[in-house]
Amino acid sequence: MKRVVTGHNAAGKSVVLFEGEPNRVSRFPNLPGLCIEELWATEPNPQVPINGADPTVTMTNFIAPLGGTRLRMEYYPPDARLAELAAKGEIDMAQAGAEFAAAMPDLAAVIEPDFMHTTDTVDYNIVLVGELWCELDDGVEVHLQAGDCLQMWRSSRLAQQGRRNLYQGGRYGWSYAQVTQRPLIMRDSISHGHNIRR
């Protein structure tokens, strides 16, 4: 993906600050086809205009902090492909977990044994390619295709979005753009996790 970030020069005129591939991209040898591109990040009380530095390069947390945001692209291979490679011994799923933990330690730390995870964030996900099923705690499955949006309130008691869910990829894999925000005020926090099962 080409990422373009604009800003302002000393004269206050708009200029291109970054153009090209994202500077921070995570790939995993034991999860071939999985790619996570960090597009932008804001910390609490961001400086505007930015100072010209790419915040994704130096950020140490992948879960949005209180009052911050994260914008990323995520690409996933087909479930069946990874299962086939694992069955042949060509990839090591335990090692894949270690690779993920090394790349995104704070996110890996909240992943449960069944691959569900819980964060106090609001996520906006737009499916760009492929299809997936979102399975919720009550067993309901929602089918999502390219162009569909999944919005999750991870700490809400008011709607089904506030429950845990499970992503299951389709035959051809899928990718989506995700904006994650942690609002300054989060009330009545409830576990809301999601899992990408391969």
N, C-alpha and C. Protein backbone atom coordinates (compact mmCIF):
# COMPACT_ATOMS: atom_id res chain seq x y z
N MET A 1 0.84 -1.19 0.00
CA MET A 1 0.00 0.00 0.00
C MET A 1 0.88 1.24 0.00
N LYS A 2 0.47 2.25 -0.79
CA LYS A 2 1.14 3.55 -0.74
C LYS A 2 0.45 4.43 0.29
N ARG A 3 1.24 4.98 1.18
CA ARG A 3 0.73 5.87 2.21
C ARG A 3 1.20 7.29 1.92
N VAL A 4 0.27 8.23 1.95
CA VAL A 4 0.61 9.64 1.76
C VAL A 4 0.17 10.41 3.00
N VAL A 5 1.12 11.11 3.60
CA VAL A 5 0.84 11.92 4.79
C VAL A 5 1.20 13.36 4.47
N THR A 6 0.27 14.27 4.68
CA THR A 6 0.53 15.68 4.41
C THR A 6 0.75 16.44 5.71
N GLY A 7 1.37 17.57 5.59
CA GLY A 7 1.60 18.45 6.72
C GLY A 7 1.78 19.88 6.22
N HIS A 8 2.54 20.67 6.96
CA HIS A 8 2.77 22.06 6.58
C HIS A 8 4.24 22.40 6.68
N ASN A 9 4.69 23.30 5.81
CA ASN A 9 6.07 23.77 5.90
C ASN A 9 6.15 25.01 6.78
N ALA A 10 7.33 25.59 6.87
CA ALA A 10 7.54 26.75 7.76
C ALA A 10 6.67 27.94 7.37
N ALA A 11 6.28 27.99 6.10
CA ALA A 11 5.44 29.10 5.62
C ALA A 11 3.95 28.82 5.82
N GLY A 12 3.64 27.67 6.39
CA GLY A 12 2.24 27.32 6.62
C GLY A 12 1.54 26.74 5.43
N LYS A 13 2.29 26.38 4.38
CA LYS A 13 1.72 25.79 3.17
C LYS A 13 1.67 24.28 3.30
N SER A 14 0.62 23.67 2.76
CA SER A 14 0.51 22.20 2.83
C SER A 14 1.53 21.55 1.92
N VAL A 15 2.15 20.49 2.43
CA VAL A 15 3.18 19.76 1.70
C VAL A 15 3.05 18.27 2.01
N VAL A 16 3.64 17.45 1.18
CA VAL A 16 3.68 16.00 1.43
C VAL A 16 4.86 15.70 2.34
N LEU A 17 4.57 15.08 3.47
CA LEU A 17 5.63 14.69 4.41
C LEU A 17 6.16 13.30 4.14
N PHE A 18 5.24 12.37 3.84
CA PHE A 18 5.63 10.99 3.57
C PHE A 18 4.84 10.49 2.36
N GLU A 19 5.50 9.79 1.49
CA GLU A 19 4.83 9.15 0.35
C GLU A 19 5.57 7.86 0.02
N GLY A 20 4.84 6.77 0.08
CA GLY A 20 5.46 5.47 -0.22
C GLY A 20 4.95 4.39 0.72
N GLU A 21 5.69 3.32 0.81
CA GLU A 21 5.31 2.22 1.69
C GLU A 21 5.34 2.68 3.15
N PRO A 22 4.45 2.15 3.99
CA PRO A 22 4.51 2.49 5.42
C PRO A 22 5.87 2.12 6.00
N ASN A 23 6.31 2.89 6.97
CA ASN A 23 7.62 2.64 7.58
C ASN A 23 7.64 1.47 8.54
N ARG A 24 6.48 1.10 9.07
CA ARG A 24 6.45 0.00 10.04
C ARG A 24 5.49 -1.08 9.56
N VAL A 25 6.06 -2.21 9.19
CA VAL A 25 5.29 -3.33 8.65
C VAL A 25 5.72 -4.60 9.38
N SER A 26 4.75 -5.37 9.86
CA SER A 26 5.06 -6.63 10.55
C SER A 26 4.65 -7.80 9.68
N ARG A 27 5.60 -8.70 9.44
CA ARG A 27 5.34 -9.96 8.74
C ARG A 27 5.88 -11.09 9.62
N PHE A 28 5.34 -12.28 9.43
CA PHE A 28 5.63 -13.38 10.34
C PHE A 28 5.97 -14.63 9.54
N PRO A 29 7.22 -15.12 9.63
CA PRO A 29 7.63 -16.28 8.84
C PRO A 29 6.73 -17.50 9.02
N ASN A 30 6.20 -17.69 10.23
CA ASN A 30 5.35 -18.86 10.48
C ASN A 30 3.86 -18.57 10.31
N LEU A 31 3.54 -17.39 9.79
CA LEU A 31 2.17 -17.04 9.40
C LEU A 31 2.24 -16.38 8.02
N PRO A 32 2.66 -17.14 7.01
CA PRO A 32 2.84 -16.53 5.68
C PRO A 32 1.53 -15.96 5.15
N GLY A 33 1.61 -14.74 4.66
CA GLY A 33 0.43 -14.06 4.16
C GLY A 33 -0.15 -13.06 5.14
N LEU A 34 0.19 -13.19 6.43
CA LEU A 34 -0.26 -12.22 7.42
C LEU A 34 0.68 -11.03 7.39
N CYS A 35 0.10 -9.85 7.22
CA CYS A 35 0.89 -8.63 7.15
C CYS A 35 0.11 -7.52 7.84
N ILE A 36 0.76 -6.79 8.72
CA ILE A 36 0.12 -5.69 9.44
C ILE A 36 0.94 -4.42 9.19
N GLU A 37 0.31 -3.45 8.54
CA GLU A 37 0.95 -2.19 8.21
C GLU A 37 0.43 -1.09 9.14
N GLU A 38 1.34 -0.47 9.87
CA GLU A 38 0.97 0.64 10.74
C GLU A 38 0.98 1.92 9.90
N LEU A 39 -0.19 2.53 9.73
CA LEU A 39 -0.31 3.70 8.86
C LEU A 39 -0.15 5.02 9.61
N TRP A 40 -0.70 5.10 10.81
CA TRP A 40 -0.54 6.32 11.59
C TRP A 40 -0.92 6.04 13.04
N ALA A 41 -0.49 6.91 13.92
CA ALA A 41 -0.80 6.79 15.34
C ALA A 41 -0.83 8.17 15.95
N THR A 42 -1.75 8.38 16.86
CA THR A 42 -1.75 9.61 17.65
C THR A 42 -1.73 9.23 19.12
N GLU A 43 -0.98 10.01 19.88
CA GLU A 43 -0.93 9.85 21.32
C GLU A 43 -1.88 10.86 21.95
N PRO A 44 -2.13 10.78 23.24
CA PRO A 44 -2.98 11.79 23.88
C PRO A 44 -2.43 13.20 23.65
N ASN A 45 -3.32 14.14 23.40
CA ASN A 45 -2.94 15.55 23.17
C ASN A 45 -1.90 15.69 22.05
N PRO A 46 -2.23 15.21 20.84
CA PRO A 46 -1.25 15.27 19.75
C PRO A 46 -0.93 16.71 19.34
N GLN A 47 0.30 16.92 18.89
CA GLN A 47 0.73 18.23 18.41
C GLN A 47 0.24 18.42 16.97
N VAL A 48 -0.34 19.57 16.68
CA VAL A 48 -0.77 19.89 15.34
C VAL A 48 -0.23 21.27 14.99
N PRO A 49 0.50 21.44 13.88
CA PRO A 49 0.85 20.36 12.95
C PRO A 49 1.93 19.47 13.53
N ILE A 50 2.11 18.29 12.91
CA ILE A 50 3.10 17.33 13.40
C ILE A 50 4.50 17.87 13.12
N ASN A 51 5.48 17.32 13.84
CA ASN A 51 6.85 17.82 13.72
C ASN A 51 7.63 17.19 12.58
N GLY A 52 6.98 16.40 11.76
CA GLY A 52 7.66 15.79 10.62
C GLY A 52 8.14 14.38 10.88
N ALA A 53 8.03 13.90 12.12
CA ALA A 53 8.44 12.54 12.46
C ALA A 53 7.27 11.58 12.30
N ASP A 54 7.55 10.36 11.91
CA ASP A 54 6.52 9.33 11.75
C ASP A 54 6.31 8.65 13.11
N PRO A 55 5.15 8.82 13.73
CA PRO A 55 4.94 8.27 15.07
C PRO A 55 4.88 6.75 15.10
N THR A 56 4.63 6.10 13.97
CA THR A 56 4.56 4.64 13.98
C THR A 56 5.93 4.00 14.20
N VAL A 57 6.97 4.73 13.86
CA VAL A 57 8.33 4.18 13.98
C VAL A 57 8.73 4.01 15.43
N THR A 58 8.36 4.96 16.26
CA THR A 58 8.82 4.94 17.65
C THR A 58 7.76 4.47 18.65
N MET A 59 6.52 4.25 18.20
CA MET A 59 5.48 3.86 19.15
C MET A 59 5.81 2.49 19.75
N THR A 60 5.47 2.34 21.03
CA THR A 60 5.77 1.09 21.72
C THR A 60 4.50 0.32 22.08
N ASN A 61 3.35 0.92 21.87
CA ASN A 61 2.10 0.20 22.14
C ASN A 61 1.24 0.19 20.88
N PHE A 62 0.63 -0.96 20.63
CA PHE A 62 -0.20 -1.15 19.43
C PHE A 62 -1.68 -1.04 19.76
N ILE A 63 -2.02 -1.16 21.03
CA ILE A 63 -3.37 -0.87 21.49
C ILE A 63 -3.42 0.63 21.76
N ALA A 64 -4.41 1.30 21.19
CA ALA A 64 -4.47 2.75 21.35
C ALA A 64 -4.50 3.14 22.83
N PRO A 65 -3.68 4.10 23.23
CA PRO A 65 -3.70 4.55 24.62
C PRO A 65 -4.92 5.44 24.87
N LEU A 66 -5.16 5.75 26.11
CA LEU A 66 -6.28 6.61 26.48
C LEU A 66 -6.16 7.95 25.75
N GLY A 67 -7.17 8.27 24.93
CA GLY A 67 -7.15 9.51 24.16
C GLY A 67 -6.34 9.43 22.89
N GLY A 68 -5.84 8.24 22.53
CA GLY A 68 -5.04 8.08 21.33
C GLY A 68 -5.74 7.25 20.27
N THR A 69 -5.10 7.12 19.11
CA THR A 69 -5.66 6.32 18.01
C THR A 69 -4.56 5.50 17.34
N ARG A 70 -4.99 4.46 16.62
CA ARG A 70 -4.12 3.67 15.78
C ARG A 70 -4.84 3.41 14.46
N LEU A 71 -4.12 3.57 13.35
CA LEU A 71 -4.67 3.28 12.03
C LEU A 71 -3.77 2.25 11.36
N ARG A 72 -4.35 1.14 10.93
CA ARG A 72 -3.53 0.10 10.32
C ARG A 72 -4.30 -0.64 9.23
N MET A 73 -3.53 -1.29 8.38
CA MET A 73 -4.07 -2.23 7.39
C MET A 73 -3.63 -3.62 7.82
N GLU A 74 -4.55 -4.58 7.74
CA GLU A 74 -4.23 -5.95 8.10
C GLU A 74 -4.63 -6.87 6.95
N TYR A 75 -3.73 -7.76 6.60
CA TYR A 75 -3.96 -8.72 5.52
C TYR A 75 -3.85 -10.13 6.10
N TYR A 76 -4.81 -10.98 5.78
CA TYR A 76 -4.84 -12.33 6.32
C TYR A 76 -4.93 -13.36 5.21
N PRO A 77 -4.19 -14.46 5.35
CA PRO A 77 -4.27 -15.54 4.37
C PRO A 77 -5.52 -16.39 4.61
N PRO A 78 -5.89 -17.24 3.66
CA PRO A 78 -7.02 -18.14 3.89
C PRO A 78 -6.75 -19.09 5.06
N ASP A 79 -7.77 -19.37 5.85
CA ASP A 79 -7.63 -20.30 6.98
C ASP A 79 -7.06 -21.64 6.54
N ALA A 80 -7.63 -22.16 5.44
CA ALA A 80 -7.26 -23.50 4.99
C ALA A 80 -5.79 -23.58 4.59
N ARG A 81 -5.26 -22.50 4.06
CA ARG A 81 -3.85 -22.50 3.64
C ARG A 81 -2.93 -22.67 4.84
N LEU A 82 -3.18 -21.94 5.90
CA LEU A 82 -2.34 -22.08 7.09
C LEU A 82 -2.49 -23.46 7.72
N ALA A 83 -3.71 -23.99 7.74
CA ALA A 83 -3.93 -25.33 8.29
C ALA A 83 -3.16 -26.37 7.48
N GLU A 84 -3.15 -26.19 6.16
CA GLU A 84 -2.43 -27.13 5.29
C GLU A 84 -0.93 -27.07 5.56
N LEU A 85 -0.38 -25.87 5.67
CA LEU A 85 1.05 -25.72 5.93
C LEU A 85 1.43 -26.28 7.30
N ALA A 86 0.57 -26.07 8.30
CA ALA A 86 0.85 -26.59 9.63
C ALA A 86 0.81 -28.11 9.63
N ALA A 87 -0.16 -28.69 8.91
CA ALA A 87 -0.27 -30.15 8.84
C ALA A 87 0.96 -30.78 8.18
N LYS A 88 1.55 -30.06 7.25
CA LYS A 88 2.75 -30.55 6.55
C LYS A 88 4.03 -30.29 7.35
N GLY A 89 3.90 -29.56 8.45
CA GLY A 89 5.07 -29.22 9.25
C GLY A 89 5.90 -28.10 8.66
N GLU A 90 5.33 -27.34 7.73
CA GLU A 90 6.08 -26.27 7.08
C GLU A 90 6.04 -24.97 7.88
N ILE A 91 5.11 -24.86 8.80
CA ILE A 91 5.09 -23.73 9.71
C ILE A 91 4.87 -24.25 11.13
N ASP A 92 5.31 -23.48 12.09
CA ASP A 92 5.21 -23.85 13.50
C ASP A 92 4.31 -22.82 14.19
N MET A 93 3.11 -23.23 14.58
CA MET A 93 2.17 -22.27 15.15
C MET A 93 2.62 -21.74 16.51
N ALA A 94 3.36 -22.55 17.27
CA ALA A 94 3.89 -22.05 18.54
C ALA A 94 4.92 -20.96 18.28
N GLN A 95 5.75 -21.17 17.29
CA GLN A 95 6.74 -20.16 16.93
C GLN A 95 6.06 -18.92 16.36
N ALA A 96 4.94 -19.13 15.67
CA ALA A 96 4.18 -17.99 15.14
C ALA A 96 3.72 -17.09 16.28
N GLY A 97 3.28 -17.70 17.38
CA GLY A 97 2.87 -16.91 18.54
C GLY A 97 4.01 -16.10 19.11
N ALA A 98 5.20 -16.69 19.14
CA ALA A 98 6.37 -15.98 19.64
C ALA A 98 6.75 -14.82 18.72
N GLU A 99 6.60 -15.03 17.41
CA GLU A 99 6.90 -13.97 16.45
C GLU A 99 5.93 -12.80 16.63
N PHE A 100 4.66 -13.13 16.83
CA PHE A 100 3.65 -12.08 17.02
C PHE A 100 3.93 -11.31 18.31
N ALA A 101 4.29 -12.04 19.37
CA ALA A 101 4.57 -11.39 20.66
C ALA A 101 5.79 -10.47 20.56
N ALA A 102 6.77 -10.85 19.77
CA ALA A 102 7.95 -10.01 19.61
C ALA A 102 7.63 -8.72 18.85
N ALA A 103 6.71 -8.81 17.89
CA ALA A 103 6.36 -7.66 17.06
C ALA A 103 5.37 -6.73 17.74
N MET A 104 4.39 -7.30 18.46
CA MET A 104 3.30 -6.51 19.05
C MET A 104 3.05 -7.00 20.48
N PRO A 105 3.98 -6.74 21.39
CA PRO A 105 3.91 -7.35 22.73
C PRO A 105 2.67 -7.00 23.53
N ASP A 106 2.21 -5.75 23.47
CA ASP A 106 1.04 -5.39 24.29
C ASP A 106 -0.23 -6.06 23.79
N LEU A 107 -0.35 -6.20 22.48
CA LEU A 107 -1.52 -6.89 21.93
C LEU A 107 -1.44 -8.39 22.20
N ALA A 108 -0.25 -8.96 22.05
CA ALA A 108 -0.09 -10.39 22.31
C ALA A 108 -0.40 -10.71 23.78
N ALA A 109 -0.12 -9.79 24.67
CA ALA A 109 -0.31 -10.03 26.10
C ALA A 109 -1.78 -10.19 26.48
N VAL A 110 -2.70 -9.66 25.69
CA VAL A 110 -4.12 -9.76 26.04
C VAL A 110 -4.83 -10.86 25.26
N ILE A 111 -4.11 -11.61 24.44
CA ILE A 111 -4.73 -12.70 23.69
C ILE A 111 -4.88 -13.91 24.61
N GLU A 112 -6.10 -14.43 24.65
CA GLU A 112 -6.43 -15.55 25.52
C GLU A 112 -6.10 -16.88 24.83
N PRO A 113 -6.14 -18.00 25.57
CA PRO A 113 -5.80 -19.30 24.97
C PRO A 113 -6.64 -19.66 23.74
N ASP A 114 -7.89 -19.19 23.70
CA ASP A 114 -8.74 -19.49 22.53
C ASP A 114 -8.60 -18.41 21.46
N PHE A 115 -7.60 -17.55 21.60
CA PHE A 115 -7.26 -16.48 20.66
C PHE A 115 -8.21 -15.28 20.72
N MET A 116 -9.20 -15.31 21.63
CA MET A 116 -9.97 -14.11 21.86
C MET A 116 -9.05 -13.07 22.49
N HIS A 117 -9.39 -11.79 22.32
CA HIS A 117 -8.66 -10.77 23.06
C HIS A 117 -9.58 -9.62 23.41
N THR A 118 -9.22 -8.92 24.45
CA THR A 118 -10.05 -7.88 25.02
C THR A 118 -9.25 -6.60 25.17
N THR A 119 -9.78 -5.50 24.65
CA THR A 119 -9.15 -4.19 24.86
C THR A 119 -10.26 -3.16 25.05
N ASP A 120 -9.99 -2.14 25.85
CA ASP A 120 -10.97 -1.07 26.07
C ASP A 120 -10.82 -0.02 24.97
N THR A 121 -11.21 -0.40 23.76
CA THR A 121 -11.11 0.50 22.62
C THR A 121 -12.39 0.44 21.81
N VAL A 122 -12.55 1.42 20.94
CA VAL A 122 -13.62 1.40 19.95
C VAL A 122 -12.94 1.18 18.60
N ASP A 123 -13.35 0.14 17.88
CA ASP A 123 -12.71 -0.21 16.61
C ASP A 123 -13.67 0.00 15.45
N TYR A 124 -13.13 0.55 14.36
CA TYR A 124 -13.87 0.70 13.12
C TYR A 124 -13.12 -0.10 12.06
N ASN A 125 -13.74 -1.14 11.54
CA ASN A 125 -13.09 -2.03 10.58
C ASN A 125 -13.86 -2.02 9.26
N ILE A 126 -13.17 -1.80 8.16
CA ILE A 126 -13.78 -1.85 6.83
C ILE A 126 -13.10 -2.95 6.04
N VAL A 127 -13.88 -3.95 5.63
CA VAL A 127 -13.35 -5.07 4.85
C VAL A 127 -13.10 -4.58 3.43
N LEU A 128 -11.88 -4.74 2.94
CA LEU A 128 -11.51 -4.27 1.61
C LEU A 128 -11.49 -5.38 0.57
N VAL A 129 -11.05 -6.56 0.99
CA VAL A 129 -10.92 -7.70 0.08
C VAL A 129 -11.36 -8.95 0.81
N GLY A 130 -12.00 -9.88 0.11
CA GLY A 130 -12.33 -11.17 0.68
C GLY A 130 -13.59 -11.13 1.54
N GLU A 131 -13.69 -12.11 2.42
CA GLU A 131 -14.87 -12.24 3.27
C GLU A 131 -14.48 -12.89 4.58
N LEU A 132 -15.30 -12.67 5.60
CA LEU A 132 -15.08 -13.32 6.87
C LEU A 132 -16.40 -13.42 7.60
N TRP A 133 -16.40 -14.23 8.64
CA TRP A 133 -17.57 -14.39 9.51
C TRP A 133 -17.18 -13.93 10.90
N CYS A 134 -18.03 -13.14 11.49
CA CYS A 134 -17.83 -12.68 12.86
C CYS A 134 -18.80 -13.46 13.73
N GLU A 135 -18.26 -14.30 14.60
CA GLU A 135 -19.07 -15.11 15.50
C GLU A 135 -19.05 -14.50 16.89
N LEU A 136 -20.25 -14.30 17.46
CA LEU A 136 -20.38 -13.66 18.77
C LEU A 136 -20.62 -14.71 19.85
N ASP A 137 -20.58 -14.27 21.10
CA ASP A 137 -20.72 -15.19 22.23
C ASP A 137 -22.03 -15.97 22.20
N ASP A 138 -23.08 -15.38 21.65
CA ASP A 138 -24.37 -16.09 21.63
C ASP A 138 -24.49 -17.04 20.45
N GLY A 139 -23.41 -17.22 19.69
CA GLY A 139 -23.42 -18.16 18.57
C GLY A 139 -23.85 -17.56 17.25
N VAL A 140 -24.31 -16.33 17.26
CA VAL A 140 -24.71 -15.67 16.01
C VAL A 140 -23.47 -15.40 15.16
N GLU A 141 -23.56 -15.68 13.86
CA GLU A 141 -22.49 -15.40 12.92
C GLU A 141 -22.95 -14.34 11.93
N VAL A 142 -22.12 -13.34 11.73
CA VAL A 142 -22.41 -12.28 10.77
C VAL A 142 -21.41 -12.40 9.63
N HIS A 143 -21.92 -12.48 8.41
CA HIS A 143 -21.07 -12.61 7.22
C HIS A 143 -20.70 -11.22 6.72
N LEU A 144 -19.41 -10.97 6.55
CA LEU A 144 -18.92 -9.68 6.07
C LEU A 144 -18.14 -9.87 4.78
N GLN A 145 -18.39 -8.99 3.82
CA GLN A 145 -17.70 -9.04 2.54
C GLN A 145 -17.05 -7.70 2.25
N ALA A 146 -16.29 -7.65 1.16
CA ALA A 146 -15.62 -6.41 0.77
C ALA A 146 -16.62 -5.26 0.71
N GLY A 147 -16.26 -4.16 1.37
CA GLY A 147 -17.14 -2.99 1.41
C GLY A 147 -17.96 -2.90 2.68
N ASP A 148 -18.02 -3.98 3.45
CA ASP A 148 -18.79 -3.97 4.69
C ASP A 148 -17.98 -3.37 5.83
N CYS A 149 -18.67 -2.84 6.81
CA CYS A 149 -18.03 -2.21 7.97
C CYS A 149 -18.46 -2.93 9.24
N LEU A 150 -17.51 -3.21 10.10
CA LEU A 150 -17.78 -3.80 11.42
C LEU A 150 -17.29 -2.81 12.46
N GLN A 151 -18.20 -2.29 13.25
CA GLN A 151 -17.85 -1.33 14.29
C GLN A 151 -18.07 -2.00 15.64
N MET A 152 -17.05 -1.96 16.48
CA MET A 152 -17.11 -2.67 17.75
C MET A 152 -16.90 -1.72 18.92
N TRP A 153 -17.88 -1.69 19.83
CA TRP A 153 -17.72 -1.00 21.10
C TRP A 153 -17.27 -2.07 22.09
N ARG A 154 -16.07 -1.99 22.50
CA ARG A 154 -15.55 -3.07 23.32
C ARG A 154 -15.87 -2.92 24.80
N SER A 155 -16.52 -1.87 25.18
CA SER A 155 -16.83 -1.74 26.61
C SER A 155 -18.27 -1.28 26.80
N SER A 156 -19.14 -1.65 25.89
CA SER A 156 -20.53 -1.21 25.95
C SER A 156 -21.43 -2.32 26.47
N ARG A 157 -22.37 -1.97 27.35
CA ARG A 157 -23.38 -2.92 27.81
C ARG A 157 -24.66 -2.78 27.00
N LEU A 158 -24.66 -1.88 26.03
CA LEU A 158 -25.91 -1.52 25.38
C LEU A 158 -26.20 -2.32 24.11
N ALA A 159 -25.22 -2.98 23.57
CA ALA A 159 -25.44 -3.65 22.29
C ALA A 159 -24.58 -4.89 22.18
N GLN A 160 -24.90 -5.74 21.21
CA GLN A 160 -24.15 -6.97 21.00
C GLN A 160 -22.68 -6.68 20.68
N GLN A 161 -22.40 -5.48 20.13
CA GLN A 161 -21.02 -5.15 19.85
C GLN A 161 -20.15 -5.23 21.09
N GLY A 162 -20.78 -5.18 22.27
CA GLY A 162 -20.01 -5.20 23.49
C GLY A 162 -19.64 -6.58 23.97
N ARG A 163 -19.84 -7.60 23.14
CA ARG A 163 -19.50 -8.97 23.53
C ARG A 163 -18.30 -9.46 22.72
N ARG A 164 -17.77 -10.58 23.15
CA ARG A 164 -16.63 -11.15 22.44
C ARG A 164 -17.07 -11.67 21.08
N ASN A 165 -16.14 -11.74 20.16
CA ASN A 165 -16.48 -12.26 18.85
C ASN A 165 -15.29 -12.98 18.25
N LEU A 166 -15.56 -13.75 17.25
CA LEU A 166 -14.56 -14.59 16.61
C LEU A 166 -14.58 -14.33 15.12
N TYR A 167 -13.42 -14.04 14.54
CA TYR A 167 -13.32 -13.89 13.08
C TYR A 167 -12.89 -15.21 12.48
N GLN A 168 -13.55 -15.62 11.43
CA GLN A 168 -13.12 -16.78 10.67
C GLN A 168 -12.98 -16.37 9.22
N GLY A 169 -11.79 -16.52 8.69
CA GLY A 169 -11.53 -16.08 7.32
C GLY A 169 -12.14 -16.99 6.29
N GLY A 170 -12.31 -16.45 5.10
CA GLY A 170 -12.91 -17.19 4.00
C GLY A 170 -11.89 -17.95 3.17
N ARG A 171 -12.34 -18.41 2.03
CA ARG A 171 -11.52 -19.25 1.16
C ARG A 171 -10.31 -18.53 0.60
N TYR A 172 -10.45 -17.25 0.33
CA TYR A 172 -9.38 -16.51 -0.34
C TYR A 172 -8.62 -15.56 0.57
N GLY A 173 -8.88 -15.61 1.86
CA GLY A 173 -8.25 -14.67 2.76
C GLY A 173 -8.99 -13.34 2.71
N TRP A 174 -8.49 -12.38 3.45
CA TRP A 174 -9.18 -11.09 3.52
C TRP A 174 -8.24 -10.04 4.06
N SER A 175 -8.62 -8.79 3.85
CA SER A 175 -7.87 -7.68 4.41
C SER A 175 -8.84 -6.58 4.82
N TYR A 176 -8.44 -5.81 5.81
CA TYR A 176 -9.29 -4.70 6.21
C TYR A 176 -8.46 -3.55 6.76
N ALA A 177 -9.07 -2.37 6.70
CA ALA A 177 -8.49 -1.18 7.32
C ALA A 177 -9.13 -1.03 8.69
N GLN A 178 -8.33 -0.72 9.69
CA GLN A 178 -8.84 -0.61 11.05
C GLN A 178 -8.40 0.71 11.67
N VAL A 179 -9.37 1.41 12.24
CA VAL A 179 -9.08 2.58 13.08
C VAL A 179 -9.48 2.20 14.50
N THR A 180 -8.55 2.28 15.41
CA THR A 180 -8.80 1.95 16.81
C THR A 180 -8.62 3.20 17.65
N GLN A 181 -9.60 3.46 18.50
CA GLN A 181 -9.54 4.63 19.37
C GLN A 181 -9.86 4.23 20.79
N ARG A 182 -9.17 4.83 21.73
CA ARG A 182 -9.52 4.64 23.13
C ARG A 182 -10.01 5.98 23.66
N PRO A 183 -11.33 6.14 23.76
CA PRO A 183 -11.87 7.43 24.20
C PRO A 183 -11.38 7.79 25.60
N LEU A 184 -11.45 9.08 25.90
CA LEU A 184 -10.99 9.55 27.21
C LEU A 184 -11.84 9.02 28.34
N ILE A 185 -13.13 8.75 28.07
CA ILE A 185 -14.02 8.23 29.10
C ILE A 185 -14.57 6.90 28.64
N MET A 186 -14.31 5.85 29.39
CA MET A 186 -14.87 4.52 29.11
C MET A 186 -15.61 4.09 30.36
N ARG A 187 -16.91 3.83 30.26
CA ARG A 187 -17.70 3.43 31.42
C ARG A 187 -18.17 2.00 31.28
N ASP A 188 -18.44 1.34 32.41
CA ASP A 188 -19.03 0.00 32.43
C ASP A 188 -18.24 -0.97 31.55
N SER A 189 -16.96 -1.04 31.77
CA SER A 189 -16.11 -1.87 30.90
C SER A 189 -16.50 -3.33 30.97
N ILE A 190 -16.66 -3.92 29.78
CA ILE A 190 -16.99 -5.34 29.65
C ILE A 190 -15.99 -5.96 28.68
N SER A 191 -15.65 -7.21 28.92
CA SER A 191 -14.78 -7.92 27.99
C SER A 191 -15.41 -7.99 26.61
N HIS A 192 -14.67 -7.51 25.63
CA HIS A 192 -15.11 -7.64 24.23
C HIS A 192 -13.87 -8.02 23.44
N GLY A 193 -13.76 -9.27 23.10
CA GLY A 193 -12.59 -9.71 22.39
C GLY A 193 -12.92 -10.16 21.00
N HIS A 194 -11.91 -10.34 20.18
CA HIS A 194 -12.13 -10.99 18.91
C HIS A 194 -10.94 -11.85 18.57
N ASN A 195 -11.17 -12.81 17.74
CA ASN A 195 -10.19 -13.82 17.45
C ASN A 195 -10.12 -14.00 15.95
N ILE A 196 -8.92 -14.08 15.41
CA ILE A 196 -8.76 -14.43 14.01
C ILE A 196 -8.25 -15.85 13.97
N ARG A 197 -9.11 -16.78 13.63
CA ARG A 197 -8.73 -18.19 13.64
C ARG A 197 -8.32 -18.56 12.23
N ARG A 198 -7.16 -19.18 12.12
CA ARG A 198 -6.64 -19.56 10.81
C ARG A 198 -6.76 -21.06 10.65
